[in-house]
Amino acid sequence: MSRKNFYICTDQDGNMPVLSNKPLKKAWVKYVNDTPVLINPYPNQDRVWDYGKSTMLSLVDGLTTYAGKPMAKYTGAYH
């Protein structure tokens, strides 16, 4: 498994994350070069972590960072 290309898979409630080289659970995020490029979100998931930029990305409109600034929007694809 590449250190830069991987999947983070979780249960349907967003718990029990697993790092793998293929989707192992129903909810997952595919990373290429540490950037999320494809997501199959769990119900009510509203954000995803970008390892390449070390920042949280919003999946929905209106989320803010802890500093109160608008959160950057996820621009990848959905499965």
PDB file of N, CA and C in Angstrom:
ATOM      1  N   MET A   1       0.848  -1.177   0.000  1.00  0.00           N
ATOM      2  CA  MET A   1       0.000   0.000   0.000  1.00  0.00           C
ATOM      3  C   MET A   1       0.893   1.239   0.000  1.00  0.00           C
ATOM      4  N   SER A   2       0.588   2.170  -0.874  1.00  0.00           N
ATOM      5  CA  SER A   2       1.334   3.413  -0.955  1.00  0.00           C
ATOM      6  C   SER A   2       1.084   4.268   0.280  1.00  0.00           C
ATOM      7  N   ARG A   3       2.085   5.004   0.699  1.00  0.00           N
ATOM      8  CA  ARG A   3       1.920   5.879   1.856  1.00  0.00           C
ATOM      9  C   ARG A   3       1.098   7.108   1.505  1.00  0.00           C
ATOM     10  N   LYS A   4       0.917   7.385   0.228  1.00  0.00           N
ATOM     11  CA  LYS A   4       0.182   8.572  -0.197  1.00  0.00           C
ATOM     12  C   LYS A   4      -1.183   8.243  -0.797  1.00  0.00           C
ATOM     13  N   ASN A   5      -1.425   6.988  -1.180  1.00  0.00           N
ATOM     14  CA  ASN A   5      -2.681   6.576  -1.786  1.00  0.00           C
ATOM     15  C   ASN A   5      -3.297   5.477  -0.925  1.00  0.00           C
ATOM     16  N   PHE A   6      -4.478   5.756  -0.358  1.00  0.00           N
ATOM     17  CA  PHE A   6      -5.083   4.831   0.593  1.00  0.00           C
ATOM     18  C   PHE A   6      -6.562   5.139   0.762  1.00  0.00           C
ATOM     19  N   TYR A   7      -7.243   4.288   1.508  1.00  0.00           N
ATOM     20  CA  TYR A   7      -8.642   4.487   1.884  1.00  0.00           C
ATOM     21  C   TYR A   7      -8.726   4.564   3.405  1.00  0.00           C
ATOM     22  N   ILE A   8      -9.611   5.407   3.893  1.00  0.00           N
ATOM     23  CA  ILE A   8     -10.004   5.397   5.298  1.00  0.00           C
ATOM     24  C   ILE A   8     -11.453   4.927   5.304  1.00  0.00           C
ATOM     25  N   CYS A   9     -11.711   3.789   5.917  1.00  0.00           N
ATOM     26  CA  CYS A   9     -13.039   3.178   5.952  1.00  0.00           C
ATOM     27  C   CYS A   9     -13.590   3.263   7.364  1.00  0.00           C
ATOM     28  N   THR A  10     -14.896   3.522   7.491  1.00  0.00           N
ATOM     29  CA  THR A  10     -15.526   3.609   8.809  1.00  0.00           C
ATOM     30  C   THR A  10     -16.846   2.848   8.818  1.00  0.00           C
ATOM     31  N   ASP A  11     -17.342   2.603  10.021  1.00  0.00           N
ATOM     32  CA  ASP A  11     -18.679   2.054  10.180  1.00  0.00           C
ATOM     33  C   ASP A  11     -19.694   3.099   9.726  1.00  0.00           C
ATOM     34  N   GLN A  12     -20.961   2.719   9.643  1.00  0.00           N
ATOM     35  CA  GLN A  12     -22.010   3.634   9.202  1.00  0.00           C
ATOM     36  C   GLN A  12     -22.274   4.775  10.180  1.00  0.00           C
ATOM     37  N   ASP A  13     -21.688   4.726  11.365  1.00  0.00           N
ATOM     38  CA  ASP A  13     -21.831   5.838  12.313  1.00  0.00           C
ATOM     39  C   ASP A  13     -20.550   6.674  12.384  1.00  0.00           C
ATOM     40  N   GLY A  14     -19.580   6.385  11.515  1.00  0.00           N
ATOM     41  CA  GLY A  14     -18.343   7.149  11.455  1.00  0.00           C
ATOM     42  C   GLY A  14     -17.272   6.681  12.422  1.00  0.00           C
ATOM     43  N   ASN A  15     -17.534   5.607  13.161  1.00  0.00           N
ATOM     44  CA  ASN A  15     -16.573   5.087  14.130  1.00  0.00           C
ATOM     45  C   ASN A  15     -15.748   3.954  13.540  1.00  0.00           C
ATOM     46  N   MET A  16     -14.753   3.525  14.279  1.00  0.00           N
ATOM     47  CA  MET A  16     -13.899   2.393  13.916  1.00  0.00           C
ATOM     48  C   MET A  16     -13.189   2.594  12.576  1.00  0.00           C
ATOM     49  N   PRO A  17     -12.406   3.678  12.421  1.00  0.00           N
ATOM     50  CA  PRO A  17     -11.698   3.890  11.159  1.00  0.00           C
ATOM     51  C   PRO A  17     -10.630   2.833  10.904  1.00  0.00           C
ATOM     52  N   VAL A  18     -10.492   2.464   9.639  1.00  0.00           N
ATOM     53  CA  VAL A  18      -9.514   1.472   9.214  1.00  0.00           C
ATOM     54  C   VAL A  18      -8.777   2.027   7.993  1.00  0.00           C
ATOM     55  N   LEU A  19      -7.460   1.975   8.017  1.00  0.00           N
ATOM     56  CA  LEU A  19      -6.638   2.369   6.881  1.00  0.00           C
ATOM     57  C   LEU A  19      -6.416   1.131   6.015  1.00  0.00           C
ATOM     58  N   SER A  20      -6.678   1.246   4.707  1.00  0.00           N
ATOM     59  CA  SER A  20      -6.531   0.083   3.837  1.00  0.00           C
ATOM     60  C   SER A  20      -6.185   0.511   2.415  1.00  0.00           C
ATOM     61  N   ASN A  21      -5.926  -0.477   1.565  1.00  0.00           N
ATOM     62  CA  ASN A  21      -5.639  -0.191   0.160  1.00  0.00           C
ATOM     63  C   ASN A  21      -6.859  -0.396  -0.734  1.00  0.00           C
ATOM     64  N   LYS A  22      -8.009  -0.739  -0.139  1.00  0.00           N
ATOM     65  CA  LYS A  22      -9.279  -0.873  -0.862  1.00  0.00           C
ATOM     66  C   LYS A  22     -10.413  -0.636   0.127  1.00  0.00           C
ATOM     67  N   PRO A  23     -11.618  -0.327  -0.351  1.00  0.00           N
ATOM     68  CA  PRO A  23     -12.744  -0.121   0.573  1.00  0.00           C
ATOM     69  C   PRO A  23     -13.092  -1.419   1.298  1.00  0.00           C
ATOM     70  N   LEU A  24     -13.114  -1.365   2.634  1.00  0.00           N
ATOM     71  CA  LEU A  24     -13.434  -2.543   3.437  1.00  0.00           C
ATOM     72  C   LEU A  24     -14.794  -2.437   4.113  1.00  0.00           C
ATOM     73  N   LYS A  25     -15.334  -1.250   4.203  1.00  0.00           N
ATOM     74  CA  LYS A  25     -16.615  -1.024   4.868  1.00  0.00           C
ATOM     75  C   LYS A  25     -17.498  -0.180   3.962  1.00  0.00           C
ATOM     76  N   LYS A  26     -18.749   0.036   4.374  1.00  0.00           N
ATOM     77  CA  LYS A  26     -19.698   0.759   3.529  1.00  0.00           C
ATOM     78  C   LYS A  26     -19.349   2.231   3.365  1.00  0.00           C
ATOM     79  N   ALA A  27     -18.787   2.847   4.364  1.00  0.00           N
ATOM     80  CA  ALA A  27     -18.410   4.262   4.279  1.00  0.00           C
ATOM     81  C   ALA A  27     -16.892   4.357   4.158  1.00  0.00           C
ATOM     82  N   TRP A  28     -16.422   5.166   3.212  1.00  0.00           N
ATOM     83  CA  TRP A  28     -14.982   5.283   3.005  1.00  0.00           C
ATOM     84  C   TRP A  28     -14.643   6.577   2.283  1.00  0.00           C
ATOM     85  N   VAL A  29     -13.367   6.944   2.378  1.00  0.00           N
ATOM     86  CA  VAL A  29     -12.799   8.085   1.653  1.00  0.00           C
ATOM     87  C   VAL A  29     -11.543   7.590   0.946  1.00  0.00           C
ATOM     88  N   LYS A  30     -11.450   7.835  -0.346  1.00  0.00           N
ATOM     89  CA  LYS A  30     -10.261   7.471  -1.114  1.00  0.00           C
ATOM     90  C   LYS A  30      -9.331   8.681  -1.166  1.00  0.00           C
ATOM     91  N   TYR A  31      -8.061   8.458  -0.819  1.00  0.00           N
ATOM     92  CA  TYR A  31      -7.055   9.513  -0.848  1.00  0.00           C
ATOM     93  C   TYR A  31      -6.021   9.199  -1.915  1.00  0.00           C
ATOM     94  N   VAL A  32      -5.675  10.206  -2.708  1.00  0.00           N
ATOM     95  CA  VAL A  32      -4.596  10.120  -3.682  1.00  0.00           C
ATOM     96  C   VAL A  32      -3.652  11.275  -3.376  1.00  0.00           C
ATOM     97  N   ASN A  33      -2.393  10.951  -3.151  1.00  0.00           N
ATOM     98  CA  ASN A  33      -1.408  11.949  -2.736  1.00  0.00           C
ATOM     99  C   ASN A  33      -1.881  12.714  -1.495  1.00  0.00           C
ATOM    100  N   ASP A  34      -2.443  11.991  -0.550  1.00  0.00           N
ATOM    101  CA  ASP A  34      -2.917  12.515   0.734  1.00  0.00           C
ATOM    102  C   ASP A  34      -4.105  13.461   0.625  1.00  0.00           C
ATOM    103  N   THR A  35      -4.750  13.531  -0.536  1.00  0.00           N
ATOM    104  CA  THR A  35      -5.891  14.417  -0.747  1.00  0.00           C
ATOM    105  C   THR A  35      -7.139  13.572  -0.997  1.00  0.00           C
ATOM    106  N   PRO A  36      -8.272  13.891  -0.338  1.00  0.00           N
ATOM    107  CA  PRO A  36      -9.497  13.129  -0.591  1.00  0.00           C
ATOM    108  C   PRO A  36     -10.015  13.405  -2.009  1.00  0.00           C
ATOM    109  N   VAL A  37     -10.220  12.340  -2.787  1.00  0.00           N
ATOM    110  CA  VAL A  37     -10.664  12.501  -4.175  1.00  0.00           C
ATOM    111  C   VAL A  37     -12.008  11.835  -4.445  1.00  0.00           C
ATOM    112  N   LEU A  38     -12.392  10.863  -3.612  1.00  0.00           N
ATOM    113  CA  LEU A  38     -13.652  10.150  -3.797  1.00  0.00           C
ATOM    114  C   LEU A  38     -14.157   9.744  -2.426  1.00  0.00           C
ATOM    115  N   ILE A  39     -15.451   9.978  -2.188  1.00  0.00           N
ATOM    116  CA  ILE A  39     -15.996   9.691  -0.866  1.00  0.00           C
ATOM    117  C   ILE A  39     -17.332   8.978  -0.984  1.00  0.00           C
ATOM    118  N   ASN A  40     -17.514   7.980  -0.152  1.00  0.00           N
ATOM    119  CA  ASN A  40     -18.792   7.310   0.046  1.00  0.00           C
ATOM    120  C   ASN A  40     -19.136   7.572   1.517  1.00  0.00           C
ATOM    121  N   PRO A  41     -19.799   8.698   1.811  1.00  0.00           N
ATOM    122  CA  PRO A  41     -19.951   9.133   3.202  1.00  0.00           C
ATOM    123  C   PRO A  41     -20.925   8.278   4.009  1.00  0.00           C
ATOM    124  N   TYR A  42     -20.707   8.259   5.314  1.00  0.00           N
ATOM    125  CA  TYR A  42     -21.677   7.636   6.212  1.00  0.00           C
ATOM    126  C   TYR A  42     -22.820   8.625   6.413  1.00  0.00           C
ATOM    127  N   PRO A  43     -23.995   8.181   6.876  1.00  0.00           N
ATOM    128  CA  PRO A  43     -25.135   9.081   7.053  1.00  0.00           C
ATOM    129  C   PRO A  43     -24.776  10.276   7.939  1.00  0.00           C
ATOM    130  N   ASN A  44     -25.151  11.456   7.495  1.00  0.00           N
ATOM    131  CA  ASN A  44     -24.951  12.723   8.207  1.00  0.00           C
ATOM    132  C   ASN A  44     -23.491  13.150   8.310  1.00  0.00           C
ATOM    133  N   GLN A  45     -22.591  12.560   7.548  1.00  0.00           N
ATOM    134  CA  GLN A  45     -21.198  13.020   7.551  1.00  0.00           C
ATOM    135  C   GLN A  45     -21.164  14.416   6.949  1.00  0.00           C
ATOM    136  N   ASP A  46     -20.497  15.347   7.630  1.00  0.00           N
ATOM    137  CA  ASP A  46     -20.481  16.726   7.153  1.00  0.00           C
ATOM    138  C   ASP A  46     -19.086  17.279   6.903  1.00  0.00           C
ATOM    139  N   ARG A  47     -18.043  16.477   7.152  1.00  0.00           N
ATOM    140  CA  ARG A  47     -16.670  16.959   6.938  1.00  0.00           C
ATOM    141  C   ARG A  47     -15.732  15.795   6.685  1.00  0.00           C
ATOM    142  N   VAL A  48     -14.569  16.130   6.092  1.00  0.00           N
ATOM    143  CA  VAL A  48     -13.544  15.137   5.783  1.00  0.00           C
ATOM    144  C   VAL A  48     -12.180  15.803   5.960  1.00  0.00           C
ATOM    145  N   TRP A  49     -11.193  15.042   6.404  1.00  0.00           N
ATOM    146  CA  TRP A  49      -9.856  15.567   6.653  1.00  0.00           C
ATOM    147  C   TRP A  49      -9.003  15.461   5.393  1.00  0.00           C
ATOM    148  N   ASP A  50      -8.290  16.534   5.067  1.00  0.00           N
ATOM    149  CA  ASP A  50      -7.340  16.561   3.956  1.00  0.00           C
ATOM    150  C   ASP A  50      -5.941  16.465   4.555  1.00  0.00           C
ATOM    151  N   TYR A  51      -5.309  15.296   4.431  1.00  0.00           N
ATOM    152  CA  TYR A  51      -3.978  15.091   5.001  1.00  0.00           C
ATOM    153  C   TYR A  51      -2.921  15.910   4.280  1.00  0.00           C
ATOM    154  N   GLY A  52      -3.088  16.157   2.987  1.00  0.00           N
ATOM    155  CA  GLY A  52      -2.121  16.913   2.221  1.00  0.00           C
ATOM    156  C   GLY A  52      -2.013  18.361   2.665  1.00  0.00           C
ATOM    157  N   LYS A  53      -3.154  18.958   3.040  1.00  0.00           N
ATOM    158  CA  LYS A  53      -3.178  20.359   3.472  1.00  0.00           C
ATOM    159  C   LYS A  53      -3.340  20.516   4.976  1.00  0.00           C
ATOM    160  N   SER A  54      -3.476  19.404   5.681  1.00  0.00           N
ATOM    161  CA  SER A  54      -3.698  19.420   7.137  1.00  0.00           C
ATOM    162  C   SER A  54      -4.853  20.333   7.519  1.00  0.00           C
ATOM    163  N   THR A  55      -5.979  20.123   6.862  1.00  0.00           N
ATOM    164  CA  THR A  55      -7.151  20.939   7.137  1.00  0.00           C
ATOM    165  C   THR A  55      -8.427  20.118   6.967  1.00  0.00           C
ATOM    166  N   MET A  56      -9.480  20.555   7.627  1.00  0.00           N
ATOM    167  CA  MET A  56     -10.783  19.914   7.522  1.00  0.00           C
ATOM    168  C   MET A  56     -11.545  20.554   6.364  1.00  0.00           C
ATOM    169  N   LEU A  57     -12.220  19.729   5.571  1.00  0.00           N
ATOM    170  CA  LEU A  57     -13.016  20.212   4.450  1.00  0.00           C
ATOM    171  C   LEU A  57     -14.491  19.934   4.719  1.00  0.00           C
ATOM    172  N   SER A  58     -15.336  20.861   4.359  1.00  0.00           N
ATOM    173  CA  SER A  58     -16.768  20.746   4.573  1.00  0.00           C
ATOM    174  C   SER A  58     -17.435  19.993   3.429  1.00  0.00           C
ATOM    175  N   LEU A  59     -18.373  19.110   3.769  1.00  0.00           N
ATOM    176  CA  LEU A  59     -19.169  18.419   2.758  1.00  0.00           C
ATOM    177  C   LEU A  59     -20.506  19.105   2.548  1.00  0.00           C
ATOM    178  N   VAL A  60     -20.869  20.003   3.451  1.00  0.00           N
ATOM    179  CA  VAL A  60     -22.141  20.740   3.383  1.00  0.00           C
ATOM    180  C   VAL A  60     -21.853  22.232   3.490  1.00  0.00           C
ATOM    181  N   ASP A  61     -22.799  23.029   3.086  1.00  0.00           N
ATOM    182  CA  ASP A  61     -22.645  24.483   3.165  1.00  0.00           C
ATOM    183  C   ASP A  61     -22.853  24.972   4.594  1.00  0.00           C
ATOM    184  N   GLY A  62     -22.159  26.045   4.949  1.00  0.00           N
ATOM    185  CA  GLY A  62     -22.408  26.722   6.216  1.00  0.00           C
ATOM    186  C   GLY A  62     -21.557  26.309   7.392  1.00  0.00           C
ATOM    187  N   LEU A  63     -20.648  25.346   7.238  1.00  0.00           N
ATOM    188  CA  LEU A  63     -19.800  24.961   8.365  1.00  0.00           C
ATOM    189  C   LEU A  63     -18.684  25.981   8.552  1.00  0.00           C
ATOM    190  N   THR A  64     -18.302  26.178   9.796  1.00  0.00           N
ATOM    191  CA  THR A  64     -17.213  27.106  10.102  1.00  0.00           C
ATOM    192  C   THR A  64     -16.114  26.375  10.860  1.00  0.00           C
ATOM    193  N   THR A  65     -14.912  26.949  10.817  1.00  0.00           N
ATOM    194  CA  THR A  65     -13.790  26.413  11.570  1.00  0.00           C
ATOM    195  C   THR A  65     -13.955  26.796  13.034  1.00  0.00           C
ATOM    196  N   TYR A  66     -13.063  26.298  13.876  1.00  0.00           N
ATOM    197  CA  TYR A  66     -13.121  26.658  15.293  1.00  0.00           C
ATOM    198  C   TYR A  66     -12.861  28.146  15.512  1.00  0.00           C
ATOM    199  N   ALA A  67     -12.205  28.787  14.546  1.00  0.00           N
ATOM    200  CA  ALA A  67     -11.939  30.227  14.632  1.00  0.00           C
ATOM    201  C   ALA A  67     -13.113  31.054  14.107  1.00  0.00           C
ATOM    202  N   GLY A  68     -14.167  30.390  13.648  1.00  0.00           N
ATOM    203  CA  GLY A  68     -15.347  31.091  13.158  1.00  0.00           C
ATOM    204  C   GLY A  68     -15.298  31.458  11.685  1.00  0.00           C
ATOM    205  N   LYS A  69     -14.267  31.044  10.985  1.00  0.00           N
ATOM    206  CA  LYS A  69     -14.154  31.329   9.556  1.00  0.00           C
ATOM    207  C   LYS A  69     -14.855  30.233   8.755  1.00  0.00           C
ATOM    208  N   PRO A  70     -15.336  30.542   7.555  1.00  0.00           N
ATOM    209  CA  PRO A  70     -15.968  29.508   6.731  1.00  0.00           C
ATOM    210  C   PRO A  70     -14.979  28.376   6.417  1.00  0.00           C
ATOM    211  N   MET A  71     -15.447  27.144   6.544  1.00  0.00           N
ATOM    212  CA  MET A  71     -14.604  25.983   6.278  1.00  0.00           C
ATOM    213  C   MET A  71     -14.477  25.786   4.766  1.00  0.00           C
ATOM    214  N   ALA A  72     -13.286  25.418   4.308  1.00  0.00           N
ATOM    215  CA  ALA A  72     -13.064  25.139   2.888  1.00  0.00           C
ATOM    216  C   ALA A  72     -13.962  23.986   2.454  1.00  0.00           C
ATOM    217  N   LYS A  73     -14.434  24.032   1.224  1.00  0.00           N
ATOM    218  CA  LYS A  73     -15.372  23.045   0.697  1.00  0.00           C
ATOM    219  C   LYS A  73     -14.627  21.899   0.005  1.00  0.00           C
ATOM    220  N   TYR A  74     -15.096  20.675   0.233  1.00  0.00           N
ATOM    221  CA  TYR A  74     -14.586  19.485  -0.461  1.00  0.00           C
ATOM    222  C   TYR A  74     -14.990  19.590  -1.932  1.00  0.00           C
ATOM    223  N   THR A  75     -14.047  19.371  -2.841  1.00  0.00           N
ATOM    224  CA  THR A  75     -14.333  19.515  -4.265  1.00  0.00           C
ATOM    225  C   THR A  75     -14.210  18.210  -5.049  1.00  0.00           C
ATOM    226  N   GLY A  76     -13.946  17.102  -4.347  1.00  0.00           N
ATOM    227  CA  GLY A  76     -13.812  15.805  -5.016  1.00  0.00           C
ATOM    228  C   GLY A  76     -15.150  15.217  -5.392  1.00  0.00           C
ATOM    229  N   ALA A  77     -15.137  13.982  -5.819  1.00  0.00           N
ATOM    230  CA  ALA A  77     -16.328  13.273  -6.280  1.00  0.00           C
ATOM    231  C   ALA A  77     -16.969  12.464  -5.149  1.00  0.00           C
ATOM    232  N   TYR A  78     -18.241  12.097  -5.390  1.00  0.00           N
ATOM    233  CA  TYR A  78     -18.994  11.243  -4.462  1.00  0.00           C
ATOM    234  C   TYR A  78     -19.308   9.931  -5.152  1.00  0.00           C
ATOM    235  N   HIS A  79     -19.285   8.854  -4.400  1.00  0.00           N
ATOM    236  CA  HIS A  79     -19.580   7.526  -4.940  1.00  0.00           C
ATOM    237  C   HIS A  79     -21.051   7.248  -4.773  1.00  0.00           C
TER     238      HIS A  79
END
